[in-house]
N, C-alpha and C. Protein backbone atom coordinates (compact mmCIF):
# COMPACT_ATOMS: atom_id res chain seq x y z
N UNK A 1 0.84 -1.17 0.00
CA UNK A 1 0.00 0.00 0.00
C UNK A 1 0.89 1.24 0.00
N UNK A 2 0.69 2.10 -0.93
CA UNK A 2 1.50 3.30 -1.08
C UNK A 2 1.00 4.38 -0.13
N UNK A 3 1.95 5.10 0.43
CA UNK A 3 1.59 6.21 1.32
C UNK A 3 1.42 7.45 0.46
N UNK A 4 0.30 8.06 0.61
CA UNK A 4 0.00 9.24 -0.19
C UNK A 4 0.41 10.49 0.59
N UNK A 5 1.18 11.37 -0.07
CA UNK A 5 1.57 12.63 0.56
C UNK A 5 0.40 13.59 0.55
N UNK A 6 0.27 14.31 1.63
CA UNK A 6 -0.76 15.34 1.68
C UNK A 6 -0.28 16.51 0.83
N UNK A 7 -1.15 17.02 0.02
CA UNK A 7 -0.77 18.18 -0.78
C UNK A 7 -1.08 19.43 0.02
N UNK A 8 -0.27 20.42 -0.17
CA UNK A 8 -0.42 21.68 0.53
C UNK A 8 -0.88 22.73 -0.46
N UNK A 9 -1.67 23.67 0.03
CA UNK A 9 -2.09 24.77 -0.84
C UNK A 9 -0.96 25.77 -1.02
N UNK A 10 0.08 25.65 -0.21
CA UNK A 10 1.23 26.54 -0.32
C UNK A 10 2.31 25.83 -1.13
N UNK A 11 2.77 26.51 -2.15
CA UNK A 11 3.83 25.96 -2.99
C UNK A 11 5.17 26.23 -2.32
N UNK A 12 5.81 25.21 -1.78
CA UNK A 12 7.06 25.37 -1.07
C UNK A 12 8.22 25.12 -2.02
N UNK A 13 9.01 26.14 -2.30
CA UNK A 13 10.13 25.96 -3.22
C UNK A 13 11.25 25.14 -2.58
N UNK A 14 12.07 24.52 -3.43
CA UNK A 14 13.19 23.72 -2.95
C UNK A 14 14.26 24.61 -2.32
N UNK A 15 14.47 25.79 -2.87
CA UNK A 15 15.45 26.75 -2.33
C UNK A 15 14.70 27.85 -1.58
N UNK A 16 15.38 28.49 -0.64
CA UNK A 16 14.71 29.59 0.05
C UNK A 16 14.57 30.79 -0.89
N UNK A 17 13.46 30.88 -1.57
CA UNK A 17 13.24 31.97 -2.52
C UNK A 17 11.87 32.60 -2.34
N UNK A 18 11.15 32.24 -1.28
CA UNK A 18 9.84 32.81 -1.03
C UNK A 18 9.93 34.28 -0.68
N UNK A 19 8.79 34.93 -0.68
CA UNK A 19 8.76 36.36 -0.38
C UNK A 19 9.32 36.67 1.00
N UNK A 20 8.95 35.88 2.00
CA UNK A 20 9.44 36.15 3.36
C UNK A 20 10.96 36.08 3.41
N UNK A 21 11.53 35.11 2.72
CA UNK A 21 12.99 34.97 2.68
C UNK A 21 13.61 36.19 1.99
N UNK A 22 13.05 36.59 0.86
CA UNK A 22 13.60 37.73 0.12
C UNK A 22 13.48 39.03 0.91
N UNK A 23 12.36 39.21 1.59
CA UNK A 23 12.19 40.40 2.43
C UNK A 23 13.21 40.38 3.56
N UNK A 24 13.43 39.22 4.14
CA UNK A 24 14.45 39.10 5.19
C UNK A 24 15.84 39.42 4.69
N UNK A 25 16.17 38.91 3.52
CA UNK A 25 17.48 39.22 2.91
C UNK A 25 17.62 40.71 2.65
N UNK A 26 16.56 41.30 2.08
CA UNK A 26 16.57 42.74 1.81
C UNK A 26 16.77 43.51 3.11
N UNK A 27 16.06 43.14 4.15
CA UNK A 27 16.20 43.80 5.45
C UNK A 27 17.64 43.72 5.94
N UNK A 28 18.24 42.56 5.83
CA UNK A 28 19.62 42.37 6.29
C UNK A 28 20.60 43.25 5.50
N UNK A 29 20.51 43.19 4.18
CA UNK A 29 21.44 43.95 3.33
C UNK A 29 21.19 45.46 3.49
N UNK A 30 19.94 45.86 3.52
CA UNK A 30 19.61 47.27 3.67
C UNK A 30 20.14 47.81 5.00
N UNK A 31 19.92 47.09 6.08
CA UNK A 31 20.43 47.53 7.38
C UNK A 31 21.94 47.66 7.38
N UNK A 32 22.61 46.72 6.73
CA UNK A 32 24.07 46.77 6.64
C UNK A 32 24.52 48.03 5.88
N UNK A 33 23.89 48.31 4.75
CA UNK A 33 24.25 49.50 3.96
C UNK A 33 23.95 50.79 4.72
N UNK A 34 22.80 50.81 5.40
CA UNK A 34 22.46 52.00 6.17
C UNK A 34 23.43 52.20 7.33
N UNK A 35 23.78 51.12 8.02
CA UNK A 35 24.77 51.22 9.11
C UNK A 35 26.07 51.83 8.59
N UNK A 36 26.53 51.33 7.45
CA UNK A 36 27.78 51.84 6.87
C UNK A 36 27.66 53.31 6.48
N UNK A 37 26.51 53.71 5.97
CA UNK A 37 26.31 55.10 5.53
C UNK A 37 26.14 56.07 6.69
N UNK A 38 25.54 55.61 7.78
CA UNK A 38 25.27 56.49 8.92
C UNK A 38 26.41 56.53 9.94
N UNK A 39 27.25 55.51 9.94
CA UNK A 39 28.33 55.41 10.93
C UNK A 39 29.24 56.65 10.98
N UNK A 40 29.63 57.23 9.83
CA UNK A 40 30.49 58.42 9.90
C UNK A 40 29.85 59.60 10.64
N UNK A 41 28.54 59.59 10.79
CA UNK A 41 27.82 60.66 11.48
C UNK A 41 27.59 60.33 12.96
N UNK A 42 28.04 59.15 13.38
CA UNK A 42 27.84 58.73 14.76
C UNK A 42 26.41 58.34 15.07
N UNK A 43 25.68 57.94 14.04
CA UNK A 43 24.26 57.64 14.17
C UNK A 43 24.01 56.18 13.80
N UNK A 44 23.20 55.49 14.60
CA UNK A 44 22.81 54.12 14.29
C UNK A 44 21.51 54.13 13.48
N UNK A 45 21.17 53.01 12.88
CA UNK A 45 19.92 52.92 12.11
C UNK A 45 18.71 53.15 13.03
N UNK A 46 18.64 52.52 14.21
CA UNK A 46 17.49 52.82 15.09
C UNK A 46 17.42 54.29 15.51
N UNK A 47 18.57 54.93 15.72
CA UNK A 47 18.56 56.35 16.07
C UNK A 47 18.06 57.19 14.91
N UNK A 48 18.49 56.87 13.70
CA UNK A 48 18.00 57.59 12.52
C UNK A 48 16.49 57.43 12.41
N UNK A 49 16.02 56.21 12.62
CA UNK A 49 14.58 55.95 12.56
C UNK A 49 13.85 56.78 13.61
N UNK A 50 14.37 56.80 14.83
CA UNK A 50 13.73 57.56 15.91
C UNK A 50 13.70 59.05 15.59
N UNK A 51 14.81 59.60 15.14
CA UNK A 51 14.84 61.03 14.80
C UNK A 51 13.85 61.33 13.68
N UNK A 52 13.75 60.43 12.71
CA UNK A 52 12.78 60.60 11.61
C UNK A 52 11.35 60.58 12.13
N UNK A 53 11.09 59.72 13.10
CA UNK A 53 9.75 59.64 13.70
C UNK A 53 9.43 60.93 14.44
N UNK A 54 10.38 61.48 15.18
CA UNK A 54 10.15 62.75 15.87
C UNK A 54 9.87 63.86 14.87
N UNK A 55 10.60 63.87 13.77
CA UNK A 55 10.36 64.90 12.75
C UNK A 55 8.94 64.77 12.18
N UNK A 56 8.51 63.54 11.95
CA UNK A 56 7.20 63.30 11.34
C UNK A 56 6.04 63.55 12.31
N UNK A 57 6.21 63.19 13.58
CA UNK A 57 5.09 63.21 14.53
C UNK A 57 5.21 64.26 15.63
N UNK A 58 6.34 64.93 15.73
CA UNK A 58 6.52 65.90 16.80
C UNK A 58 6.87 65.22 18.10
N UNK A 59 6.44 65.79 19.21
CA UNK A 59 6.74 65.25 20.54
C UNK A 59 6.01 63.93 20.76
N UNK A 60 6.73 62.98 21.36
CA UNK A 60 6.17 61.67 21.67
C UNK A 60 6.63 61.23 23.05
N UNK A 61 5.87 60.36 23.66
CA UNK A 61 6.32 59.72 24.90
C UNK A 61 7.26 58.58 24.53
N UNK A 62 7.95 58.03 25.52
CA UNK A 62 8.84 56.90 25.28
C UNK A 62 8.05 55.70 24.72
N UNK A 63 6.87 55.46 25.26
CA UNK A 63 6.04 54.34 24.80
C UNK A 63 5.62 54.54 23.34
N UNK A 64 5.24 55.76 22.99
CA UNK A 64 4.86 56.03 21.60
C UNK A 64 6.05 55.86 20.67
N UNK A 65 7.22 56.32 21.11
CA UNK A 65 8.43 56.16 20.30
C UNK A 65 8.72 54.68 20.08
N UNK A 66 8.63 53.88 21.13
CA UNK A 66 8.90 52.45 21.02
C UNK A 66 7.96 51.80 20.01
N UNK A 67 6.69 52.15 20.07
CA UNK A 67 5.71 51.58 19.13
C UNK A 67 6.04 51.98 17.70
N UNK A 68 6.32 53.25 17.48
CA UNK A 68 6.55 53.74 16.11
C UNK A 68 7.88 53.28 15.53
N UNK A 69 8.85 52.98 16.39
CA UNK A 69 10.16 52.53 15.89
C UNK A 69 10.32 51.02 15.97
N UNK A 70 9.30 50.33 16.46
CA UNK A 70 9.27 48.86 16.52
C UNK A 70 10.37 48.27 17.41
N UNK A 71 10.61 48.93 18.54
CA UNK A 71 11.56 48.41 19.53
C UNK A 71 10.87 48.36 20.89
N UNK A 72 11.49 47.71 21.84
CA UNK A 72 10.89 47.61 23.17
C UNK A 72 10.99 48.96 23.89
N UNK A 73 10.09 49.21 24.84
CA UNK A 73 10.18 50.45 25.62
C UNK A 73 11.53 50.60 26.33
N UNK A 74 12.10 49.48 26.79
CA UNK A 74 13.40 49.54 27.46
C UNK A 74 14.49 49.98 26.48
N UNK A 75 14.48 49.42 25.27
CA UNK A 75 15.46 49.82 24.25
C UNK A 75 15.26 51.27 23.85
N UNK A 76 14.00 51.69 23.74
CA UNK A 76 13.72 53.08 23.40
C UNK A 76 14.26 54.01 24.48
N UNK A 77 14.10 53.64 25.74
CA UNK A 77 14.58 54.46 26.85
C UNK A 77 16.10 54.61 26.80
N UNK A 78 16.80 53.52 26.53
CA UNK A 78 18.27 53.58 26.42
C UNK A 78 18.69 54.46 25.25
N UNK A 79 18.00 54.31 24.13
CA UNK A 79 18.32 55.10 22.95
C UNK A 79 18.05 56.59 23.21
N UNK A 80 16.97 56.89 23.90
CA UNK A 80 16.63 58.27 24.23
C UNK A 80 17.74 58.89 25.09
N UNK A 81 18.24 58.14 26.07
CA UNK A 81 19.33 58.65 26.91
C UNK A 81 20.56 58.98 26.06
N UNK A 82 20.91 58.09 25.13
CA UNK A 82 22.07 58.32 24.26
C UNK A 82 21.86 59.56 23.39
N UNK A 83 20.68 59.66 22.78
CA UNK A 83 20.42 60.78 21.88
C UNK A 83 20.31 62.10 22.64
N UNK A 84 19.79 62.05 23.85
CA UNK A 84 19.72 63.26 24.67
C UNK A 84 21.14 63.71 25.04
N UNK A 85 22.00 62.75 25.35
CA UNK A 85 23.39 63.06 25.67
C UNK A 85 24.13 63.72 24.52
N UNK A 86 23.71 63.42 23.30
CA UNK A 86 24.33 64.02 22.11
C UNK A 86 23.65 65.33 21.71
N UNK A 87 22.58 65.67 22.42
CA UNK A 87 21.88 66.92 22.14
C UNK A 87 20.91 66.86 20.97
N UNK A 88 20.57 65.66 20.52
CA UNK A 88 19.68 65.51 19.36
C UNK A 88 18.21 65.60 19.72
N UNK A 89 17.89 65.31 20.98
CA UNK A 89 16.50 65.36 21.45
C UNK A 89 16.49 66.00 22.83
N UNK A 90 15.29 66.40 23.25
CA UNK A 90 15.13 66.92 24.61
C UNK A 90 13.87 66.32 25.21
N UNK A 91 13.89 66.19 26.54
CA UNK A 91 12.74 65.65 27.27
C UNK A 91 12.14 66.75 28.14
N UNK A 92 10.81 66.80 28.12
CA UNK A 92 10.09 67.77 28.94
C UNK A 92 8.85 67.10 29.52
N UNK A 93 8.45 67.50 30.72
CA UNK A 93 7.21 66.95 31.28
C UNK A 93 6.01 67.34 30.41
N UNK A 94 5.09 66.42 30.25
CA UNK A 94 3.86 66.68 29.50
C UNK A 94 2.99 67.59 30.37
N UNK A 95 2.58 68.76 29.86
CA UNK A 95 1.79 69.68 30.68
C UNK A 95 0.43 69.10 31.10
N UNK A 96 -0.11 68.18 30.32
CA UNK A 96 -1.41 67.59 30.63
C UNK A 96 -1.32 66.38 31.55
N UNK A 97 -0.18 65.69 31.53
CA UNK A 97 0.02 64.47 32.32
C UNK A 97 1.37 64.55 33.01
N UNK A 98 1.37 64.84 34.28
CA UNK A 98 2.60 65.06 35.03
C UNK A 98 3.60 63.93 34.98
N UNK A 99 3.14 62.68 34.88
CA UNK A 99 4.06 61.55 34.91
C UNK A 99 4.64 61.22 33.54
N UNK A 100 4.06 61.74 32.48
CA UNK A 100 4.52 61.44 31.12
C UNK A 100 5.55 62.47 30.70
N UNK A 101 6.63 61.98 30.12
CA UNK A 101 7.68 62.85 29.59
C UNK A 101 7.56 62.86 28.07
N UNK A 102 7.50 64.05 27.51
CA UNK A 102 7.45 64.20 26.06
C UNK A 102 8.87 64.41 25.53
N UNK A 103 9.18 63.74 24.45
CA UNK A 103 10.50 63.79 23.84
C UNK A 103 10.35 64.44 22.48
N UNK A 104 11.25 65.37 22.16
CA UNK A 104 11.16 66.04 20.86
C UNK A 104 12.56 66.29 20.29
N UNK A 105 12.57 66.55 19.02
CA UNK A 105 13.79 66.79 18.26
C UNK A 105 14.32 68.19 18.57
N UNK A 106 15.63 68.33 18.71
CA UNK A 106 16.26 69.64 18.88
C UNK A 106 16.76 70.13 17.52
N UNK A 107 17.23 71.35 17.48
CA UNK A 107 17.81 71.88 16.23
C UNK A 107 19.01 71.05 15.82
N UNK A 108 19.80 70.61 16.79
CA UNK A 108 20.96 69.76 16.50
C UNK A 108 20.51 68.41 15.92
N UNK A 109 19.44 67.86 16.47
CA UNK A 109 18.90 66.61 15.95
C UNK A 109 18.38 66.76 14.54
N UNK A 110 17.71 67.88 14.29
CA UNK A 110 17.21 68.16 12.93
C UNK A 110 18.37 68.29 11.95
N UNK A 111 19.45 68.92 12.37
CA UNK A 111 20.61 69.10 11.49
C UNK A 111 21.27 67.77 11.14
N UNK A 112 21.48 66.90 12.13
CA UNK A 112 22.11 65.61 11.86
C UNK A 112 21.19 64.76 11.00
N UNK A 113 19.90 64.88 11.22
CA UNK A 113 18.93 64.14 10.42
C UNK A 113 18.97 64.59 8.96
N UNK A 114 19.03 65.89 8.73
CA UNK A 114 19.13 66.41 7.35
C UNK A 114 20.39 65.88 6.67
N UNK A 115 21.51 65.90 7.39
CA UNK A 115 22.76 65.38 6.83
C UNK A 115 22.63 63.91 6.45
N UNK A 116 21.99 63.15 7.31
CA UNK A 116 21.88 61.70 7.08
C UNK A 116 20.81 61.34 6.06
N UNK A 117 19.81 62.21 5.89
CA UNK A 117 18.77 61.94 4.89
C UNK A 117 19.39 61.71 3.51
N UNK A 118 20.38 62.51 3.17
CA UNK A 118 21.02 62.36 1.86
C UNK A 118 21.68 60.99 1.72
N UNK A 119 22.26 60.49 2.80
CA UNK A 119 22.88 59.17 2.78
C UNK A 119 21.84 58.08 2.56
N UNK A 120 20.72 58.21 3.24
CA UNK A 120 19.64 57.22 3.12
C UNK A 120 19.05 57.25 1.72
N UNK A 121 18.86 58.44 1.17
CA UNK A 121 18.35 58.56 -0.20
C UNK A 121 19.32 57.91 -1.18
N UNK A 122 20.61 58.09 -0.97
CA UNK A 122 21.60 57.44 -1.84
C UNK A 122 21.46 55.93 -1.81
N UNK A 123 21.29 55.35 -0.62
CA UNK A 123 21.12 53.90 -0.50
C UNK A 123 19.84 53.47 -1.21
N UNK A 124 18.76 54.21 -1.01
CA UNK A 124 17.50 53.87 -1.68
C UNK A 124 17.62 53.97 -3.19
N UNK A 125 18.33 54.98 -3.67
CA UNK A 125 18.51 55.13 -5.12
C UNK A 125 19.31 53.97 -5.72
N UNK A 126 20.30 53.50 -5.00
CA UNK A 126 21.05 52.32 -5.46
C UNK A 126 20.15 51.10 -5.45
N UNK A 127 19.39 50.93 -4.38
CA UNK A 127 18.53 49.76 -4.23
C UNK A 127 17.47 49.70 -5.33
N UNK A 128 16.94 50.84 -5.72
CA UNK A 128 15.84 50.85 -6.68
C UNK A 128 16.22 51.51 -8.01
N UNK A 129 17.49 51.45 -8.36
CA UNK A 129 17.96 52.08 -9.59
C UNK A 129 17.23 51.59 -10.83
N UNK A 130 16.80 50.35 -10.83
CA UNK A 130 16.13 49.78 -12.00
C UNK A 130 14.62 50.01 -12.01
N UNK A 131 14.09 50.68 -11.00
CA UNK A 131 12.65 50.94 -10.94
C UNK A 131 12.35 52.39 -11.29
N UNK A 132 11.30 52.58 -12.05
CA UNK A 132 10.84 53.93 -12.35
C UNK A 132 10.07 54.51 -11.18
N UNK A 133 9.71 55.78 -11.29
CA UNK A 133 9.00 56.48 -10.22
C UNK A 133 7.67 55.79 -9.89
N UNK A 134 6.93 55.40 -10.92
CA UNK A 134 5.63 54.74 -10.71
C UNK A 134 5.81 53.37 -10.06
N UNK A 135 6.83 52.64 -10.48
CA UNK A 135 7.09 51.32 -9.89
C UNK A 135 7.47 51.45 -8.41
N UNK A 136 8.25 52.46 -8.09
CA UNK A 136 8.62 52.70 -6.68
C UNK A 136 7.38 53.00 -5.84
N UNK A 137 6.49 53.83 -6.39
CA UNK A 137 5.26 54.18 -5.67
C UNK A 137 4.39 52.94 -5.46
N UNK A 138 4.30 52.08 -6.47
CA UNK A 138 3.52 50.85 -6.35
C UNK A 138 4.13 49.92 -5.31
N UNK A 139 5.45 49.77 -5.34
CA UNK A 139 6.12 48.92 -4.36
C UNK A 139 5.90 49.44 -2.94
N UNK A 140 6.02 50.74 -2.78
CA UNK A 140 5.81 51.34 -1.46
C UNK A 140 4.38 51.07 -0.97
N UNK A 141 3.40 51.21 -1.85
CA UNK A 141 2.01 50.94 -1.48
C UNK A 141 1.81 49.47 -1.12
N UNK A 142 2.43 48.58 -1.87
CA UNK A 142 2.30 47.15 -1.60
C UNK A 142 2.95 46.77 -0.27
N UNK A 143 4.10 47.36 0.02
CA UNK A 143 4.76 47.08 1.29
C UNK A 143 3.92 47.59 2.47
N UNK A 144 3.32 48.76 2.32
CA UNK A 144 2.44 49.28 3.38
C UNK A 144 1.25 48.35 3.59
N UNK A 145 0.70 47.83 2.49
CA UNK A 145 -0.42 46.88 2.58
C UNK A 145 0.00 45.63 3.34
N UNK A 146 1.20 45.12 3.05
CA UNK A 146 1.69 43.92 3.73
C UNK A 146 1.89 44.18 5.22
N UNK A 147 2.44 45.33 5.57
CA UNK A 147 2.64 45.68 6.98
C UNK A 147 1.30 45.77 7.70
N UNK A 148 0.33 46.44 7.08
CA UNK A 148 -1.00 46.56 7.70
C UNK A 148 -1.64 45.19 7.88
N UNK A 149 -1.52 44.33 6.88
CA UNK A 149 -2.15 43.00 6.95
C UNK A 149 -1.57 42.18 8.09
N UNK A 150 -0.25 42.15 8.21
CA UNK A 150 0.37 41.39 9.29
C UNK A 150 0.10 42.02 10.65
N UNK A 151 0.10 43.34 10.71
CA UNK A 151 -0.17 44.04 11.97
C UNK A 151 -1.59 43.77 12.45
N UNK A 152 -2.53 43.71 11.52
CA UNK A 152 -3.93 43.47 11.87
C UNK A 152 -4.14 42.07 12.42
N UNK A 153 -3.29 41.14 12.04
CA UNK A 153 -3.42 39.76 12.51
C UNK A 153 -2.55 39.48 13.74
N UNK A 154 -1.96 40.52 14.30
CA UNK A 154 -1.18 40.36 15.53
C UNK A 154 0.09 39.56 15.35
N UNK A 155 0.60 39.53 14.13
CA UNK A 155 1.84 38.78 13.88
C UNK A 155 3.04 39.67 14.00
């Protein structure tokens, strides 16, 4: 009697070439390139992300920063201490909630962020050199859709 294999609705390739694998590889290579590009400025990739979040959203609490930068509150707190020591951000008590501290970008933080933006754009331009403007916009929309879908499912 022959044993019948169960068929799966998911097509599993012999080599790791699925989307999750490719996204993981891209994440690894992109982080490496960004680290190399930001290092001369004394800035890490998570710090660049945090400064960018402050620029986009204004003042945030440590918990809000952690959520928006996808790191733990403890890691966010350590990063905030480092960035405050460099003068890139400042902490002030929230006028509406005495126990909450609001963190915001300083002029020095804005300046280092502007300097580093050019480096990040250079990395992105290399990464997507073969894509036109419309293709980049489509890819960005598709990636946002993927993030929303996984976030909605608690993954």
